Amino acid sequence: MADNVDRAAEITQRTLEATLANRAQLAKPAAHDECIDCGYQIPAARRQAAPWATTCIECQGIRELRGRHVR
C-alpha cells in the first residue's frame, strides 16, 4: 500500500513530465505568421524574438490583462 510520500512523489513526477512536454511545444516556432486573435500579421521583430508566438504584441497584452494565458 502506497503511503502519502509515494503518492506525492508520483504526482510530482507526473507534473514535471507534463511541464517538460509543454515546454518542448513552446520552443517550436509558430506555424503561421498571423495573430490567432486579430488576424493581422505578427511583426518580424516579434517573430524573431519569440518564434513560438501565436499572437501580436497588442493581443498578447490583452490576454495578459484578462489573465487568459491560452495558446
Protein backbone atom coordinates (compact mmCIF):
# COMPACT_ATOMS: atom_id res chain seq x y z
CA MET A 1 0.00 0.00 0.00
CA ALA A 2 1.38 3.38 -1.02
CA ASP A 3 1.84 6.00 1.63
CA ASN A 4 1.42 9.75 1.25
CA VAL A 5 5.07 10.31 0.36
CA ASP A 6 4.83 7.83 -2.52
CA ARG A 7 1.65 9.46 -3.80
CA ALA A 8 3.22 12.91 -3.57
CA ALA A 9 6.30 11.71 -5.45
CA GLU A 10 4.11 10.22 -8.17
CA ILE A 11 2.09 13.43 -8.55
CA THR A 12 5.29 15.48 -8.64
CA GLN A 13 6.74 13.23 -11.33
CA ARG A 14 3.60 13.44 -13.50
CA THR A 15 3.51 17.22 -13.12
CA LEU A 16 7.17 17.51 -14.07
CA GLU A 17 6.70 15.33 -17.15
CA ALA A 18 3.67 17.36 -18.27
CA THR A 19 5.56 20.63 -17.73
CA LEU A 20 8.54 19.43 -19.75
CA ALA A 21 6.29 18.23 -22.58
CA ASN A 22 4.55 21.61 -22.63
CA ARG A 23 7.90 23.40 -22.60
CA ALA A 24 9.05 21.40 -25.63
CA GLN A 25 5.93 22.53 -27.51
CA LEU A 26 6.60 26.19 -26.65
CA ALA A 27 10.12 26.01 -28.09
CA LYS A 28 8.79 25.16 -31.54
CA PRO A 29 8.30 28.06 -33.96
CA ALA A 30 4.72 29.00 -34.74
CA ALA A 31 3.41 27.53 -37.97
CA HIS A 32 1.90 30.82 -39.15
CA ASP A 33 2.72 34.49 -39.34
CA GLU A 34 -0.74 35.81 -38.43
CA CYS A 35 -2.09 36.58 -34.97
CA ILE A 36 -4.65 33.95 -33.96
CA ASP A 37 -6.77 36.62 -32.23
CA CYS A 38 -6.93 39.54 -34.66
CA GLY A 39 -5.64 38.01 -37.91
CA TYR A 40 -3.07 40.72 -38.58
CA GLN A 41 0.48 39.74 -39.42
CA ILE A 42 2.82 39.29 -36.44
CA PRO A 43 5.73 41.76 -36.88
CA ALA A 44 9.05 40.23 -37.93
CA ALA A 45 10.79 41.59 -34.81
CA ARG A 46 8.33 39.73 -32.57
CA ARG A 47 8.63 36.53 -34.59
CA GLN A 48 12.40 36.75 -34.32
CA ALA A 49 12.38 37.48 -30.58
CA ALA A 50 9.67 34.91 -29.77
CA PRO A 51 9.42 32.38 -32.62
CA TRP A 52 6.72 30.43 -30.74
CA ALA A 53 4.42 33.47 -30.51
CA THR A 54 0.95 32.99 -31.96
CA THR A 55 -0.35 36.47 -31.14
CA CYS A 56 0.77 40.02 -31.89
CA ILE A 57 2.03 42.16 -29.02
CA GLU A 58 -1.26 44.03 -28.66
CA CYS A 59 -3.38 40.87 -28.44
CA GLN A 60 -0.89 39.24 -26.08
CA GLY A 61 -1.15 42.30 -23.83
CA ILE A 62 -4.93 41.99 -23.82
CA ARG A 63 -4.67 38.29 -22.96
CA GLU A 64 -2.34 39.04 -20.05
CA LEU A 65 -4.62 41.77 -18.73
CA ARG A 66 -7.55 39.36 -18.82
CA GLY A 67 -5.47 36.65 -17.20
CA ARG A 68 -6.16 34.41 -20.16
CA HIS A 69 -2.78 32.82 -20.95
CA VAL A 70 -4.21 30.39 -23.51
CA ARG A 71 -2.31 29.18 -26.56
